[in-house]
N, C-alpha and C. Protein backbone atom coordinates (compact mmCIF):
# COMPACT_ATOMS: atom_id res chain seq x y z
N MET A 1 -71.02 -38.67 -42.38
CA MET A 1 -71.75 -37.41 -42.33
C MET A 1 -73.21 -37.67 -42.69
N ALA A 2 -74.14 -37.13 -41.91
CA ALA A 2 -75.56 -37.33 -42.14
C ALA A 2 -75.99 -36.57 -43.40
N GLU A 3 -76.91 -37.19 -44.12
CA GLU A 3 -77.42 -36.56 -45.34
C GLU A 3 -78.33 -35.39 -44.96
N GLN A 4 -78.19 -34.29 -45.68
CA GLN A 4 -79.01 -33.11 -45.42
C GLN A 4 -80.42 -33.35 -45.93
N ALA A 5 -81.38 -32.77 -45.23
CA ALA A 5 -82.77 -32.84 -45.68
C ALA A 5 -82.91 -32.09 -47.00
N ARG A 6 -83.82 -32.58 -47.82
CA ARG A 6 -84.07 -31.91 -49.10
C ARG A 6 -84.67 -30.53 -48.86
N VAL A 7 -84.31 -29.60 -49.73
CA VAL A 7 -84.90 -28.27 -49.69
C VAL A 7 -86.24 -28.31 -50.42
N SER A 8 -86.30 -29.09 -51.49
CA SER A 8 -87.51 -29.21 -52.30
C SER A 8 -88.52 -30.12 -51.61
N ALA A 9 -89.77 -29.71 -51.64
CA ALA A 9 -90.84 -30.54 -51.07
C ALA A 9 -91.19 -31.70 -51.98
N GLY A 10 -91.01 -31.51 -53.28
CA GLY A 10 -91.27 -32.58 -54.23
C GLY A 10 -92.73 -32.89 -54.49
N ILE A 11 -93.62 -31.95 -54.22
CA ILE A 11 -95.05 -32.23 -54.40
C ILE A 11 -95.75 -31.23 -55.32
N GLY A 12 -95.07 -30.19 -55.76
CA GLY A 12 -95.71 -29.08 -56.48
C GLY A 12 -96.22 -29.40 -57.86
N GLY A 13 -95.47 -30.20 -58.61
CA GLY A 13 -95.89 -30.50 -59.97
C GLY A 13 -95.40 -29.50 -61.01
N SER A 14 -94.73 -28.45 -60.57
CA SER A 14 -94.12 -27.49 -61.48
C SER A 14 -92.95 -26.83 -60.76
N LEU A 15 -92.02 -26.35 -61.51
CA LEU A 15 -90.84 -25.70 -60.94
C LEU A 15 -91.25 -24.51 -60.07
N ALA A 16 -92.14 -23.68 -60.57
CA ALA A 16 -92.55 -22.48 -59.82
C ALA A 16 -93.23 -22.85 -58.50
N LEU A 17 -94.05 -23.89 -58.51
CA LEU A 17 -94.72 -24.29 -57.27
C LEU A 17 -93.74 -24.93 -56.30
N GLU A 18 -92.77 -25.67 -56.83
CA GLU A 18 -91.72 -26.21 -55.95
C GLU A 18 -90.96 -25.07 -55.28
N PHE A 19 -90.74 -24.00 -56.03
CA PHE A 19 -90.06 -22.84 -55.47
C PHE A 19 -90.91 -22.19 -54.37
N ALA A 20 -92.20 -22.03 -54.63
CA ALA A 20 -93.10 -21.45 -53.63
C ALA A 20 -93.14 -22.30 -52.36
N ASN A 21 -92.94 -23.61 -52.52
CA ASN A 21 -93.00 -24.53 -51.38
C ASN A 21 -91.69 -24.64 -50.61
N THR A 22 -90.76 -23.71 -50.83
CA THR A 22 -89.52 -23.76 -50.05
C THR A 22 -89.67 -23.12 -48.68
N ALA A 23 -90.87 -22.80 -48.30
CA ALA A 23 -91.19 -22.42 -46.92
C ALA A 23 -92.21 -23.42 -46.42
N GLY A 24 -91.94 -24.04 -45.30
CA GLY A 24 -92.89 -24.98 -44.71
C GLY A 24 -93.89 -24.25 -43.83
N TRP A 25 -95.08 -24.79 -43.73
CA TRP A 25 -96.15 -24.17 -42.94
C TRP A 25 -96.26 -22.69 -43.30
N HIS A 26 -96.38 -22.45 -44.59
CA HIS A 26 -96.31 -21.11 -45.16
C HIS A 26 -97.45 -20.20 -44.69
N LEU A 27 -98.56 -20.76 -44.27
CA LEU A 27 -99.68 -19.94 -43.79
C LEU A 27 -99.64 -19.72 -42.29
N ALA A 28 -98.69 -20.33 -41.61
CA ALA A 28 -98.58 -20.20 -40.16
C ALA A 28 -97.99 -18.83 -39.79
N GLN A 29 -98.12 -18.48 -38.52
CA GLN A 29 -97.54 -17.23 -38.02
C GLN A 29 -96.03 -17.21 -38.24
N GLN A 30 -95.37 -18.33 -38.05
CA GLN A 30 -93.92 -18.46 -38.18
C GLN A 30 -93.61 -19.58 -39.18
N PRO A 31 -93.64 -19.29 -40.49
CA PRO A 31 -93.31 -20.34 -41.47
C PRO A 31 -91.90 -20.88 -41.24
N VAL A 32 -91.68 -22.10 -41.68
CA VAL A 32 -90.38 -22.74 -41.56
C VAL A 32 -89.59 -22.42 -42.84
N GLU A 33 -88.53 -21.65 -42.69
CA GLU A 33 -87.74 -21.20 -43.84
C GLU A 33 -86.78 -22.32 -44.25
N ARG A 34 -86.89 -22.73 -45.51
CA ARG A 34 -86.00 -23.75 -46.04
C ARG A 34 -84.87 -23.14 -46.88
N LEU A 35 -84.97 -21.85 -47.16
CA LEU A 35 -83.93 -21.15 -47.90
C LEU A 35 -83.22 -20.18 -46.96
N GLY A 36 -82.33 -20.72 -46.16
CA GLY A 36 -81.63 -19.90 -45.18
C GLY A 36 -80.53 -19.04 -45.79
N GLY A 37 -80.17 -19.32 -47.01
CA GLY A 37 -79.11 -18.57 -47.67
C GLY A 37 -78.88 -19.07 -49.08
N TRP A 38 -77.90 -18.48 -49.73
CA TRP A 38 -77.59 -18.80 -51.12
C TRP A 38 -77.27 -20.29 -51.30
N ARG A 39 -76.52 -20.86 -50.37
CA ARG A 39 -76.16 -22.28 -50.48
C ARG A 39 -77.41 -23.17 -50.53
N ASP A 40 -78.42 -22.85 -49.72
CA ASP A 40 -79.67 -23.61 -49.75
C ASP A 40 -80.39 -23.45 -51.08
N LEU A 41 -80.35 -22.25 -51.63
CA LEU A 41 -80.99 -22.01 -52.93
C LEU A 41 -80.28 -22.81 -54.02
N VAL A 42 -78.96 -22.85 -53.97
CA VAL A 42 -78.21 -23.65 -54.96
C VAL A 42 -78.54 -25.14 -54.77
N ARG A 43 -78.61 -25.60 -53.51
CA ARG A 43 -78.99 -27.01 -53.26
C ARG A 43 -80.36 -27.32 -53.85
N TRP A 44 -81.30 -26.40 -53.66
CA TRP A 44 -82.64 -26.58 -54.22
C TRP A 44 -82.55 -26.70 -55.74
N ALA A 45 -81.77 -25.83 -56.36
CA ALA A 45 -81.62 -25.84 -57.82
C ALA A 45 -80.97 -27.13 -58.30
N VAL A 46 -80.04 -27.68 -57.53
CA VAL A 46 -79.44 -28.98 -57.88
C VAL A 46 -80.49 -30.09 -57.76
N GLU A 47 -81.27 -30.06 -56.69
CA GLU A 47 -82.33 -31.06 -56.49
C GLU A 47 -83.32 -31.07 -57.66
N LEU A 48 -83.61 -29.89 -58.20
CA LEU A 48 -84.55 -29.77 -59.30
C LEU A 48 -83.87 -29.88 -60.66
N LYS A 49 -82.58 -30.18 -60.65
CA LYS A 49 -81.79 -30.39 -61.86
C LYS A 49 -81.65 -29.15 -62.73
N LEU A 50 -81.73 -27.98 -62.11
CA LEU A 50 -81.46 -26.73 -62.80
C LEU A 50 -79.97 -26.45 -62.83
N VAL A 51 -79.32 -26.76 -61.75
CA VAL A 51 -77.87 -26.61 -61.63
C VAL A 51 -77.27 -28.00 -61.61
N GLN A 52 -76.25 -28.18 -62.41
CA GLN A 52 -75.55 -29.46 -62.45
C GLN A 52 -74.72 -29.63 -61.18
N PRO A 53 -74.67 -30.85 -60.64
CA PRO A 53 -73.91 -31.07 -59.40
C PRO A 53 -72.46 -30.58 -59.47
N ASP A 54 -71.85 -30.65 -60.66
CA ASP A 54 -70.46 -30.21 -60.77
C ASP A 54 -70.32 -28.69 -60.65
N GLN A 55 -71.41 -27.95 -60.70
CA GLN A 55 -71.36 -26.49 -60.52
C GLN A 55 -71.70 -26.07 -59.10
N MET A 56 -72.17 -27.00 -58.29
CA MET A 56 -72.68 -26.64 -56.97
C MET A 56 -71.63 -25.95 -56.10
N ASP A 57 -70.45 -26.51 -55.98
CA ASP A 57 -69.44 -25.92 -55.11
C ASP A 57 -69.03 -24.53 -55.59
N ASP A 58 -68.84 -24.38 -56.89
CA ASP A 58 -68.44 -23.08 -57.42
C ASP A 58 -69.51 -22.03 -57.16
N LEU A 59 -70.76 -22.36 -57.46
CA LEU A 59 -71.84 -21.39 -57.26
C LEU A 59 -72.10 -21.13 -55.78
N SER A 60 -72.03 -22.18 -54.96
CA SER A 60 -72.29 -22.04 -53.52
C SER A 60 -71.27 -21.16 -52.84
N GLY A 61 -70.07 -21.10 -53.38
CA GLY A 61 -69.01 -20.31 -52.77
C GLY A 61 -69.16 -18.82 -52.96
N ALA A 62 -70.06 -18.39 -53.82
CA ALA A 62 -70.27 -16.96 -54.06
C ALA A 62 -71.04 -16.33 -52.89
N ALA A 63 -70.78 -15.08 -52.64
CA ALA A 63 -71.52 -14.34 -51.62
C ALA A 63 -72.70 -13.67 -52.31
N VAL A 64 -73.87 -14.26 -52.18
CA VAL A 64 -75.06 -13.76 -52.87
C VAL A 64 -76.15 -13.50 -51.86
N GLU A 65 -76.74 -12.34 -51.91
CA GLU A 65 -77.88 -11.97 -51.07
C GLU A 65 -79.14 -12.52 -51.73
N ILE A 66 -79.89 -13.35 -51.02
CA ILE A 66 -81.03 -14.01 -51.66
C ILE A 66 -82.36 -13.28 -51.45
N GLY A 67 -82.31 -12.06 -50.98
CA GLY A 67 -83.55 -11.29 -50.81
C GLY A 67 -84.43 -11.29 -52.05
N PRO A 68 -83.87 -11.06 -53.26
CA PRO A 68 -84.71 -11.10 -54.46
C PRO A 68 -85.37 -12.47 -54.69
N ALA A 69 -84.69 -13.54 -54.29
CA ALA A 69 -85.27 -14.89 -54.44
C ALA A 69 -86.46 -15.04 -53.50
N LEU A 70 -86.32 -14.58 -52.27
CA LEU A 70 -87.43 -14.68 -51.32
C LEU A 70 -88.60 -13.80 -51.76
N ASP A 71 -88.30 -12.63 -52.33
CA ASP A 71 -89.37 -11.76 -52.85
C ASP A 71 -90.13 -12.46 -53.98
N LEU A 72 -89.40 -13.10 -54.90
CA LEU A 72 -90.06 -13.81 -55.99
C LEU A 72 -90.87 -14.99 -55.44
N ARG A 73 -90.29 -15.73 -54.50
CA ARG A 73 -91.02 -16.87 -53.92
C ARG A 73 -92.33 -16.41 -53.32
N GLU A 74 -92.29 -15.31 -52.56
CA GLU A 74 -93.52 -14.84 -51.91
C GLU A 74 -94.54 -14.34 -52.92
N ALA A 75 -94.10 -13.71 -54.00
CA ALA A 75 -95.03 -13.28 -55.05
C ALA A 75 -95.69 -14.50 -55.69
N ILE A 76 -94.90 -15.52 -56.02
CA ILE A 76 -95.47 -16.75 -56.61
C ILE A 76 -96.41 -17.41 -55.61
N PHE A 77 -96.02 -17.44 -54.35
CA PHE A 77 -96.87 -18.03 -53.31
C PHE A 77 -98.22 -17.31 -53.23
N ARG A 78 -98.18 -15.98 -53.15
CA ARG A 78 -99.44 -15.22 -53.05
C ARG A 78 -100.31 -15.43 -54.28
N ILE A 79 -99.70 -15.50 -55.45
CA ILE A 79 -100.46 -15.78 -56.68
C ILE A 79 -101.09 -17.16 -56.58
N GLY A 80 -100.30 -18.15 -56.16
CA GLY A 80 -100.80 -19.52 -56.03
C GLY A 80 -101.93 -19.64 -55.04
N VAL A 81 -101.81 -18.95 -53.92
CA VAL A 81 -102.89 -18.98 -52.91
C VAL A 81 -104.16 -18.37 -53.50
N ALA A 82 -104.03 -17.23 -54.17
CA ALA A 82 -105.20 -16.60 -54.77
C ALA A 82 -105.85 -17.51 -55.80
N VAL A 83 -105.06 -18.04 -56.72
CA VAL A 83 -105.60 -18.91 -57.77
C VAL A 83 -106.19 -20.18 -57.14
N GLY A 84 -105.48 -20.76 -56.17
CA GLY A 84 -105.96 -21.97 -55.51
C GLY A 84 -107.28 -21.76 -54.78
N ARG A 85 -107.53 -20.54 -54.37
CA ARG A 85 -108.80 -20.22 -53.68
C ARG A 85 -109.84 -19.67 -54.64
N GLY A 86 -109.51 -19.64 -55.93
CA GLY A 86 -110.46 -19.18 -56.94
C GLY A 86 -110.54 -17.67 -57.08
N ASN A 87 -109.52 -16.96 -56.62
CA ASN A 87 -109.49 -15.51 -56.69
C ASN A 87 -108.47 -15.04 -57.72
N ALA A 88 -108.59 -13.79 -58.12
CA ALA A 88 -107.60 -13.20 -59.02
C ALA A 88 -106.39 -12.77 -58.21
N PRO A 89 -105.18 -13.02 -58.74
CA PRO A 89 -103.98 -12.57 -58.03
C PRO A 89 -103.82 -11.06 -58.10
N GLN A 90 -103.03 -10.52 -57.19
CA GLN A 90 -102.74 -9.10 -57.17
C GLN A 90 -101.86 -8.73 -58.37
N GLU A 91 -102.16 -7.61 -58.99
CA GLU A 91 -101.38 -7.15 -60.14
C GLU A 91 -99.92 -6.93 -59.76
N SER A 92 -99.67 -6.44 -58.55
CA SER A 92 -98.28 -6.20 -58.12
C SER A 92 -97.48 -7.51 -58.09
N ASP A 93 -98.11 -8.61 -57.68
CA ASP A 93 -97.42 -9.91 -57.67
C ASP A 93 -97.17 -10.40 -59.09
N LEU A 94 -98.15 -10.23 -59.96
CA LEU A 94 -97.96 -10.62 -61.37
C LEU A 94 -96.83 -9.81 -62.00
N ASN A 95 -96.79 -8.51 -61.70
CA ASN A 95 -95.73 -7.65 -62.23
C ASN A 95 -94.36 -8.06 -61.71
N ALA A 96 -94.29 -8.45 -60.44
CA ALA A 96 -93.01 -8.88 -59.86
C ALA A 96 -92.49 -10.14 -60.57
N VAL A 97 -93.39 -11.07 -60.86
CA VAL A 97 -93.00 -12.29 -61.57
C VAL A 97 -92.57 -11.95 -62.99
N MET A 98 -93.34 -11.10 -63.66
CA MET A 98 -92.99 -10.73 -65.03
C MET A 98 -91.64 -10.01 -65.10
N ALA A 99 -91.34 -9.19 -64.12
CA ALA A 99 -90.05 -8.49 -64.11
C ALA A 99 -88.89 -9.48 -64.02
N GLN A 100 -89.03 -10.50 -63.19
CA GLN A 100 -87.98 -11.52 -63.06
C GLN A 100 -87.91 -12.39 -64.31
N ALA A 101 -89.04 -12.61 -64.96
CA ALA A 101 -89.08 -13.48 -66.15
C ALA A 101 -88.28 -12.91 -67.31
N SER A 102 -88.01 -11.62 -67.27
CA SER A 102 -87.28 -10.99 -68.38
C SER A 102 -85.76 -11.13 -68.24
N ALA A 103 -85.28 -11.75 -67.17
CA ALA A 103 -83.83 -11.91 -66.97
C ALA A 103 -83.26 -12.82 -68.07
N PRO A 104 -82.06 -12.52 -68.55
CA PRO A 104 -81.46 -13.37 -69.57
C PRO A 104 -81.17 -14.76 -69.01
N PRO A 105 -81.35 -15.79 -69.82
CA PRO A 105 -81.12 -17.16 -69.34
C PRO A 105 -79.62 -17.47 -69.26
N PRO A 106 -79.28 -18.52 -68.51
CA PRO A 106 -77.90 -18.98 -68.51
C PRO A 106 -77.59 -19.65 -69.85
N SER A 107 -76.36 -20.04 -70.03
CA SER A 107 -75.98 -20.76 -71.25
C SER A 107 -76.66 -22.13 -71.26
N ALA A 108 -77.16 -22.51 -72.39
CA ALA A 108 -77.79 -23.82 -72.54
C ALA A 108 -76.83 -24.75 -73.26
N ILE A 109 -76.72 -25.97 -72.74
CA ILE A 109 -75.91 -27.00 -73.40
C ILE A 109 -76.70 -28.29 -73.44
N TRP A 110 -76.40 -29.12 -74.40
CA TRP A 110 -77.03 -30.43 -74.48
C TRP A 110 -76.12 -31.40 -73.76
N SER A 111 -76.64 -32.05 -72.72
CA SER A 111 -75.81 -32.93 -71.90
C SER A 111 -76.61 -34.13 -71.44
N GLY A 112 -76.10 -35.32 -71.73
CA GLY A 112 -76.75 -36.53 -71.24
C GLY A 112 -78.14 -36.74 -71.79
N GLY A 113 -78.40 -36.28 -72.99
CA GLY A 113 -79.71 -36.49 -73.60
C GLY A 113 -80.76 -35.46 -73.25
N SER A 114 -80.36 -34.38 -72.58
CA SER A 114 -81.34 -33.34 -72.25
C SER A 114 -80.65 -31.97 -72.16
N LEU A 115 -81.46 -30.95 -72.14
CA LEU A 115 -80.97 -29.58 -72.01
C LEU A 115 -80.43 -29.37 -70.61
N SER A 116 -79.34 -28.70 -70.52
CA SER A 116 -78.71 -28.41 -69.24
C SER A 116 -78.29 -26.95 -69.23
N TRP A 117 -78.26 -26.37 -68.05
CA TRP A 117 -77.88 -24.97 -67.91
C TRP A 117 -76.46 -24.87 -67.35
N ARG A 118 -75.74 -23.85 -67.79
CA ARG A 118 -74.42 -23.52 -67.23
C ARG A 118 -74.50 -22.08 -66.75
N PHE A 119 -74.43 -21.90 -65.46
CA PHE A 119 -74.56 -20.60 -64.84
C PHE A 119 -73.20 -19.94 -64.67
N GLN A 120 -73.19 -18.64 -64.81
CA GLN A 120 -72.01 -17.85 -64.50
C GLN A 120 -72.15 -17.40 -63.05
N ARG A 121 -71.10 -17.54 -62.29
CA ARG A 121 -71.15 -17.27 -60.85
C ARG A 121 -71.70 -15.88 -60.54
N GLN A 122 -71.27 -14.87 -61.26
CA GLN A 122 -71.67 -13.50 -60.96
C GLN A 122 -73.11 -13.18 -61.37
N SER A 123 -73.70 -13.97 -62.24
CA SER A 123 -75.08 -13.70 -62.68
C SER A 123 -76.02 -14.86 -62.42
N ALA A 124 -75.61 -15.79 -61.57
CA ALA A 124 -76.40 -17.00 -61.34
C ALA A 124 -77.77 -16.69 -60.73
N LEU A 125 -77.84 -15.77 -59.77
CA LEU A 125 -79.13 -15.50 -59.12
C LEU A 125 -80.17 -14.98 -60.10
N PRO A 126 -79.91 -13.90 -60.85
CA PRO A 126 -80.96 -13.45 -61.79
C PRO A 126 -81.28 -14.49 -62.86
N GLN A 127 -80.28 -15.25 -63.30
CA GLN A 127 -80.55 -16.28 -64.30
C GLN A 127 -81.45 -17.37 -63.73
N LEU A 128 -81.18 -17.81 -62.51
CA LEU A 128 -81.99 -18.83 -61.86
C LEU A 128 -83.41 -18.34 -61.61
N LEU A 129 -83.53 -17.11 -61.11
CA LEU A 129 -84.87 -16.56 -60.86
C LEU A 129 -85.64 -16.36 -62.15
N GLY A 130 -84.93 -16.03 -63.24
CA GLY A 130 -85.59 -15.90 -64.54
C GLY A 130 -86.21 -17.21 -64.99
N ILE A 131 -85.50 -18.32 -64.78
CA ILE A 131 -86.03 -19.64 -65.14
C ILE A 131 -87.29 -19.94 -64.34
N VAL A 132 -87.24 -19.69 -63.03
CA VAL A 132 -88.39 -19.95 -62.16
C VAL A 132 -89.56 -19.06 -62.56
N ALA A 133 -89.30 -17.78 -62.78
CA ALA A 133 -90.38 -16.84 -63.13
C ALA A 133 -91.01 -17.20 -64.47
N ARG A 134 -90.20 -17.60 -65.45
CA ARG A 134 -90.75 -18.00 -66.75
C ARG A 134 -91.63 -19.24 -66.61
N ASP A 135 -91.25 -20.15 -65.71
CA ASP A 135 -92.10 -21.31 -65.46
C ASP A 135 -93.43 -20.89 -64.83
N ALA A 136 -93.39 -19.93 -63.91
CA ALA A 136 -94.63 -19.44 -63.31
C ALA A 136 -95.53 -18.81 -64.36
N VAL A 137 -94.94 -18.01 -65.24
CA VAL A 137 -95.73 -17.38 -66.30
C VAL A 137 -96.35 -18.45 -67.21
N ALA A 138 -95.55 -19.43 -67.59
CA ALA A 138 -96.07 -20.50 -68.46
C ALA A 138 -97.20 -21.26 -67.78
N LEU A 139 -97.07 -21.53 -66.50
CA LEU A 139 -98.12 -22.22 -65.75
C LEU A 139 -99.38 -21.38 -65.70
N LEU A 140 -99.24 -20.11 -65.34
CA LEU A 140 -100.42 -19.25 -65.19
C LEU A 140 -101.10 -18.94 -66.51
N ALA A 141 -100.36 -19.03 -67.61
CA ALA A 141 -100.93 -18.76 -68.93
C ALA A 141 -101.50 -20.01 -69.58
N SER A 142 -101.50 -21.12 -68.88
CA SER A 142 -101.98 -22.38 -69.46
C SER A 142 -103.23 -22.87 -68.74
N ASP A 143 -103.86 -23.89 -69.29
CA ASP A 143 -105.02 -24.47 -68.63
C ASP A 143 -104.64 -25.22 -67.36
N ARG A 144 -103.35 -25.45 -67.16
CA ARG A 144 -102.89 -26.09 -65.93
C ARG A 144 -103.19 -25.22 -64.71
N ALA A 145 -103.32 -23.92 -64.91
CA ALA A 145 -103.61 -23.02 -63.79
C ALA A 145 -104.93 -23.40 -63.11
N THR A 146 -105.87 -23.98 -63.86
CA THR A 146 -107.15 -24.39 -63.25
C THR A 146 -106.98 -25.58 -62.32
N ARG A 147 -105.83 -26.25 -62.38
CA ARG A 147 -105.57 -27.40 -61.50
C ARG A 147 -104.68 -27.04 -60.31
N LEU A 148 -104.39 -25.75 -60.16
CA LEU A 148 -103.55 -25.30 -59.05
C LEU A 148 -104.37 -25.35 -57.77
N ARG A 149 -103.80 -25.99 -56.75
CA ARG A 149 -104.51 -26.16 -55.47
C ARG A 149 -103.62 -25.72 -54.32
N LEU A 150 -104.28 -25.33 -53.24
CA LEU A 150 -103.65 -25.01 -51.96
C LEU A 150 -104.02 -26.13 -51.01
N CYS A 151 -103.02 -26.71 -50.33
CA CYS A 151 -103.28 -27.80 -49.40
C CYS A 151 -104.35 -27.39 -48.39
N ALA A 152 -105.29 -28.29 -48.12
CA ALA A 152 -106.37 -28.03 -47.17
C ALA A 152 -105.91 -28.15 -45.72
N GLY A 153 -104.68 -28.58 -45.50
CA GLY A 153 -104.16 -28.67 -44.14
C GLY A 153 -104.03 -27.29 -43.53
N SER A 154 -104.46 -27.15 -42.29
CA SER A 154 -104.41 -25.83 -41.67
C SER A 154 -102.97 -25.37 -41.55
N ASP A 155 -102.71 -24.18 -42.00
CA ASP A 155 -101.40 -23.52 -41.97
C ASP A 155 -100.36 -24.12 -42.91
N CYS A 156 -100.66 -25.20 -43.62
CA CYS A 156 -99.66 -25.84 -44.49
C CYS A 156 -99.18 -24.86 -45.55
N GLY A 157 -100.06 -24.47 -46.43
CA GLY A 157 -99.72 -23.49 -47.44
C GLY A 157 -98.98 -24.02 -48.65
N TRP A 158 -98.76 -25.32 -48.73
CA TRP A 158 -98.07 -25.82 -49.92
C TRP A 158 -99.03 -25.86 -51.09
N LEU A 159 -98.46 -25.55 -52.25
CA LEU A 159 -99.22 -25.48 -53.50
C LEU A 159 -98.88 -26.68 -54.35
N PHE A 160 -99.84 -27.13 -55.14
CA PHE A 160 -99.60 -28.27 -56.03
C PHE A 160 -100.57 -28.23 -57.19
N LEU A 161 -100.21 -28.97 -58.24
CA LEU A 161 -101.12 -29.18 -59.37
C LEU A 161 -101.86 -30.48 -59.13
N ASP A 162 -103.16 -30.43 -59.18
CA ASP A 162 -103.97 -31.62 -58.97
C ASP A 162 -104.09 -32.37 -60.29
N GLU A 163 -103.35 -33.45 -60.40
CA GLU A 163 -103.37 -34.29 -61.61
C GLU A 163 -104.19 -35.55 -61.39
N SER A 164 -104.90 -35.64 -60.25
CA SER A 164 -105.67 -36.84 -59.95
C SER A 164 -106.93 -36.92 -60.83
N ARG A 165 -107.40 -38.12 -61.03
CA ARG A 165 -108.61 -38.32 -61.82
C ARG A 165 -109.79 -37.70 -61.07
N GLY A 166 -110.54 -36.88 -61.72
CA GLY A 166 -111.69 -36.23 -61.10
C GLY A 166 -111.33 -35.03 -60.25
N LYS A 167 -110.05 -34.75 -60.10
CA LYS A 167 -109.52 -33.60 -59.37
C LYS A 167 -110.02 -33.50 -57.92
N PRO A 168 -109.97 -34.63 -57.15
CA PRO A 168 -110.42 -34.55 -55.76
C PRO A 168 -109.29 -34.29 -54.75
N ARG A 169 -108.06 -34.17 -55.20
CA ARG A 169 -106.94 -34.05 -54.27
C ARG A 169 -107.07 -32.80 -53.41
N ARG A 170 -106.92 -32.96 -52.10
CA ARG A 170 -107.04 -31.85 -51.16
C ARG A 170 -105.76 -31.57 -50.40
N TRP A 171 -104.90 -32.56 -50.31
CA TRP A 171 -103.74 -32.46 -49.43
C TRP A 171 -102.44 -32.40 -50.23
N CYS A 172 -101.45 -31.72 -49.65
CA CYS A 172 -100.13 -31.71 -50.27
C CYS A 172 -99.63 -33.14 -50.37
N SER A 173 -99.89 -33.92 -49.34
CA SER A 173 -99.49 -35.32 -49.29
C SER A 173 -100.43 -36.05 -48.34
N MET A 174 -100.91 -37.20 -48.76
CA MET A 174 -101.77 -37.98 -47.88
C MET A 174 -101.00 -38.44 -46.66
N SER A 175 -99.68 -38.65 -46.80
CA SER A 175 -98.88 -39.13 -45.67
C SER A 175 -98.53 -38.00 -44.69
N ASP A 176 -98.82 -36.77 -45.05
CA ASP A 176 -98.51 -35.64 -44.17
C ASP A 176 -99.82 -35.00 -43.70
N CYS A 177 -100.27 -33.99 -44.38
CA CYS A 177 -101.47 -33.27 -43.97
C CYS A 177 -102.72 -34.15 -44.02
N GLY A 178 -102.78 -35.06 -44.98
CA GLY A 178 -103.93 -35.96 -45.07
C GLY A 178 -104.05 -36.84 -43.84
N ASN A 179 -102.94 -37.40 -43.39
CA ASN A 179 -102.96 -38.24 -42.18
C ASN A 179 -103.28 -37.42 -40.94
N ARG A 180 -102.77 -36.21 -40.87
CA ARG A 180 -103.09 -35.34 -39.72
C ARG A 180 -104.60 -35.11 -39.64
N SER A 181 -105.21 -34.85 -40.80
CA SER A 181 -106.65 -34.61 -40.83
C SER A 181 -107.42 -35.86 -40.41
N LYS A 182 -107.01 -37.01 -40.92
CA LYS A 182 -107.67 -38.27 -40.54
C LYS A 182 -107.54 -38.51 -39.04
N ALA A 183 -106.36 -38.26 -38.48
CA ALA A 183 -106.14 -38.46 -37.04
C ALA A 183 -107.02 -37.51 -36.22
N ARG A 184 -107.14 -36.25 -36.65
CA ARG A 184 -107.99 -35.29 -35.94
C ARG A 184 -109.46 -35.74 -35.98
N ARG A 185 -109.91 -36.20 -37.15
CA ARG A 185 -111.31 -36.66 -37.26
C ARG A 185 -111.55 -37.88 -36.38
N ALA A 186 -110.60 -38.82 -36.36
CA ALA A 186 -110.75 -40.02 -35.53
C ALA A 186 -110.78 -39.64 -34.04
N TYR A 187 -109.91 -38.73 -33.65
CA TYR A 187 -109.88 -38.28 -32.26
C TYR A 187 -111.21 -37.62 -31.89
N ALA A 188 -111.71 -36.77 -32.77
CA ALA A 188 -112.98 -36.09 -32.51
C ALA A 188 -114.13 -37.09 -32.37
N ARG A 189 -114.13 -38.15 -33.20
CA ARG A 189 -115.19 -39.17 -33.10
C ARG A 189 -115.11 -39.91 -31.76
N ARG A 190 -113.89 -40.26 -31.35
CA ARG A 190 -113.72 -40.99 -30.09
C ARG A 190 -114.11 -40.09 -28.91
N LYS A 191 -113.78 -38.85 -29.00
CA LYS A 191 -114.04 -37.91 -27.90
C LYS A 191 -115.52 -37.54 -27.84
N GLY A 192 -116.15 -37.44 -29.02
CA GLY A 192 -117.54 -36.95 -29.09
C GLY A 192 -118.51 -38.05 -28.94
């Protein structure tokens, strides 16, 4: 059986930004949806080590409407785009994140040398969204918010924390949008 593509982009630098990046080409007319349903959201949570692999099948089997997850993702995305462009985010988006941040957390256990979560099937969605929203609040309330960037690739829309020396990072990934930009510039030079 072929291995499934990762849901997580792996470039955000924070849980909240990884969540915002679950749509590809987010600024395009037709973004690429990576969260097609609850099972994809659980896979994403396993990839980010929020959900333990031994809980994946149990949680994935639940019938959960992920509309609230997509609403939170879009609020975090809009906040990230505003901050990345040097603008103030909309109060309605901040309120949406704060509302989700108040959800009660799942059970915490110490496992394998680190904190681990144990989700209850019937309350997994609000608990998971609460963790993501609290991470967004912590990011936005810290000096790390000044390092939040929006990829310079046209229509990309992925968000990341610029941890590079001197903060010159422009691309979500040099091997993706960065290479596309280099190829376009080289083509323009040859053509012009």
